[in-house]
Each structure stands twice: as structure tokens, then as C-alpha cells.
Amino acid sequence: MIDAGGKVEPMWAIVSTWVPDSDGGFGEVITETCESVSVRDVLLDTDIPVRVGDRVRLEYADGELVRVVRAR
């Protein structure tokens, strides 16, 4: 979601597809507004591997997805 100042607010999403790799993995998530977002080459902030069905928070900087945080 973009606020009045153009800043992208963090949003929640559900992992729909995920391929684990040495950097944590990559895949697609579905946001709470039903948008599909591709997740690749971003920081995964979690001690537990991400799996399909997990709830994650997407964090943005300058309009770019920079971090995915797995809900505890």
C-alpha cells in the first residue's frame, strides 16, 4: 500500500509457491489485497525455512521489496 507521501507501507502476504535455496529461497506470495508478488533476491528475516502457506510481512524501501519477515 502506498501512502500519501509515496512511501510503500509493509503488508502481509501468504506464500503461494516457494523454492528453497542456499539464500533462503524464492517464490510468489499473495498479498492481503490479492496481488501476486514475486520474491527473489531479498533479505529473508527468519530462523525457520519459509514454506507454502506461511504468513510473511513484505517490507519496502524506495518502492522496492527489500525484506521478507516470516510471522511467528
C-alpha atoms as a PDB file:
ATOM      1  CA  MET A   1       0.000   0.000   0.000  1.00  0.00           C
ATOM      2  CA  ILE A   2       1.311   3.430  -0.915  1.00  0.00           C
ATOM      3  CA  ASP A   3       0.700   6.322   1.485  1.00  0.00           C
ATOM      4  CA  ALA A   4       0.165   9.975   0.517  1.00  0.00           C
ATOM      5  CA  GLY A   5       3.920  10.638   0.590  1.00  0.00           C
ATOM      6  CA  GLY A   6       4.627   7.840  -1.888  1.00  0.00           C
ATOM      7  CA  LYS A   7       6.085   5.528   0.783  1.00  0.00           C
ATOM      8  CA  VAL A   8       5.168   1.851   0.442  1.00  0.00           C
ATOM      9  CA  GLU A   9       3.856   0.522   3.747  1.00  0.00           C
ATOM     10  CA  PRO A  10       4.734  -3.015   4.920  1.00  0.00           C
ATOM     11  CA  MET A  11       1.998  -5.508   4.079  1.00  0.00           C
ATOM     12  CA  TRP A  12       1.115  -9.072   4.981  1.00  0.00           C
ATOM     13  CA  ALA A  13       1.054 -11.896   2.460  1.00  0.00           C
ATOM     14  CA  ILE A  14       0.694 -15.677   2.241  1.00  0.00           C
ATOM     15  CA  VAL A  15       3.364 -17.754   0.480  1.00  0.00           C
ATOM     16  CA  SER A  16       1.778 -19.461  -2.554  1.00  0.00           C
ATOM     17  CA  THR A  17       4.878 -21.082  -4.114  1.00  0.00           C
ATOM     18  CA  TRP A  18       8.378 -21.403  -2.696  1.00  0.00           C
ATOM     19  CA  VAL A  19      11.667 -22.958  -3.832  1.00  0.00           C
ATOM     20  CA  PRO A  20      14.269 -23.188  -1.053  1.00  0.00           C
ATOM     21  CA  ASP A  21      17.915 -22.463  -1.858  1.00  0.00           C
ATOM     22  CA  SER A  22      21.121 -21.559  -0.004  1.00  0.00           C
ATOM     23  CA  ASP A  23      19.967 -17.927   0.394  1.00  0.00           C
ATOM     24  CA  GLY A  24      16.566 -18.887   1.828  1.00  0.00           C
ATOM     25  CA  GLY A  25      14.662 -19.285  -1.410  1.00  0.00           C
ATOM     26  CA  PHE A  26      12.399 -17.528  -3.865  1.00  0.00           C
ATOM     27  CA  GLY A  27       8.805 -17.724  -4.955  1.00  0.00           C
ATOM     28  CA  GLU A  28       5.435 -15.998  -5.139  1.00  0.00           C
ATOM     29  CA  VAL A  29       3.281 -14.558  -2.378  1.00  0.00           C
ATOM     30  CA  ILE A  30      -0.319 -13.326  -2.410  1.00  0.00           C
ATOM     31  CA  THR A  31      -0.911 -10.063  -0.531  1.00  0.00           C
ATOM     32  CA  GLU A  32      -3.938  -9.160   1.583  1.00  0.00           C
ATOM     33  CA  THR A  33      -5.193  -7.179  -1.445  1.00  0.00           C
ATOM     34  CA  CYS A  34      -4.970 -10.354  -3.603  1.00  0.00           C
ATOM     35  CA  GLU A  35      -1.935  -9.206  -5.616  1.00  0.00           C
ATOM     36  CA  SER A  36       0.716 -11.704  -6.639  1.00  0.00           C
ATOM     37  CA  VAL A  37       4.254 -10.565  -5.741  1.00  0.00           C
ATOM     38  CA  SER A  38       7.424 -12.255  -6.947  1.00  0.00           C
ATOM     39  CA  VAL A  39      10.011 -12.655  -4.180  1.00  0.00           C
ATOM     40  CA  ARG A  40      13.605 -13.014  -5.354  1.00  0.00           C
ATOM     41  CA  ASP A  41      16.941 -11.592  -4.207  1.00  0.00           C
ATOM     42  CA  VAL A  42      15.582 -10.078  -0.972  1.00  0.00           C
ATOM     43  CA  LEU A  43      16.578 -10.494   2.661  1.00  0.00           C
ATOM     44  CA  LEU A  44      14.634 -13.255   4.411  1.00  0.00           C
ATOM     45  CA  ASP A  45      14.401 -12.440   8.119  1.00  0.00           C
ATOM     46  CA  THR A  46      13.593 -15.809   9.678  1.00  0.00           C
ATOM     47  CA  ASP A  47      15.268 -18.622  11.590  1.00  0.00           C
ATOM     48  CA  ILE A  48      12.769 -21.138  10.220  1.00  0.00           C
ATOM     49  CA  PRO A  49      12.610 -22.004   6.495  1.00  0.00           C
ATOM     50  CA  VAL A  50       9.720 -20.395   4.610  1.00  0.00           C
ATOM     51  CA  ARG A  51       7.086 -22.828   3.296  1.00  0.00           C
ATOM     52  CA  VAL A  52       3.909 -22.636   1.227  1.00  0.00           C
ATOM     53  CA  GLY A  53       1.063 -21.324   3.395  1.00  0.00           C
ATOM     54  CA  ASP A  54       3.292 -19.284   5.731  1.00  0.00           C
ATOM     55  CA  ARG A  55       2.277 -15.732   6.601  1.00  0.00           C
ATOM     56  CA  VAL A  56       5.012 -13.168   5.842  1.00  0.00           C
ATOM     57  CA  ARG A  57       5.397  -9.388   6.056  1.00  0.00           C
ATOM     58  CA  LEU A  58       6.758  -7.625   2.984  1.00  0.00           C
ATOM     59  CA  GLU A  59       8.901  -4.567   3.706  1.00  0.00           C
ATOM     60  CA  TYR A  60       9.739  -1.969   1.086  1.00  0.00           C
ATOM     61  CA  ALA A  61      12.327   0.814   0.706  1.00  0.00           C
ATOM     62  CA  ASP A  62      12.108   3.359  -2.105  1.00  0.00           C
ATOM     63  CA  GLY A  63       9.298   1.340  -3.678  1.00  0.00           C
ATOM     64  CA  GLU A  64      11.378  -1.858  -3.878  1.00  0.00           C
ATOM     65  CA  LEU A  65      10.763  -5.042  -1.894  1.00  0.00           C
ATOM     66  CA  VAL A  66      13.806  -5.368   0.375  1.00  0.00           C
ATOM     67  CA  ARG A  67      12.864  -7.759   3.171  1.00  0.00           C
ATOM     68  CA  VAL A  68      10.502 -10.634   3.908  1.00  0.00           C
ATOM     69  CA  VAL A  69       9.772 -11.376   7.578  1.00  0.00           C
ATOM     70  CA  ARG A  70       8.101 -14.675   8.479  1.00  0.00           C
ATOM     71  CA  ALA A  71       5.298 -14.312  11.050  1.00  0.00           C
ATOM     72  CA  ARG A  72       5.928 -16.068  14.326  1.00  0.00           C
END
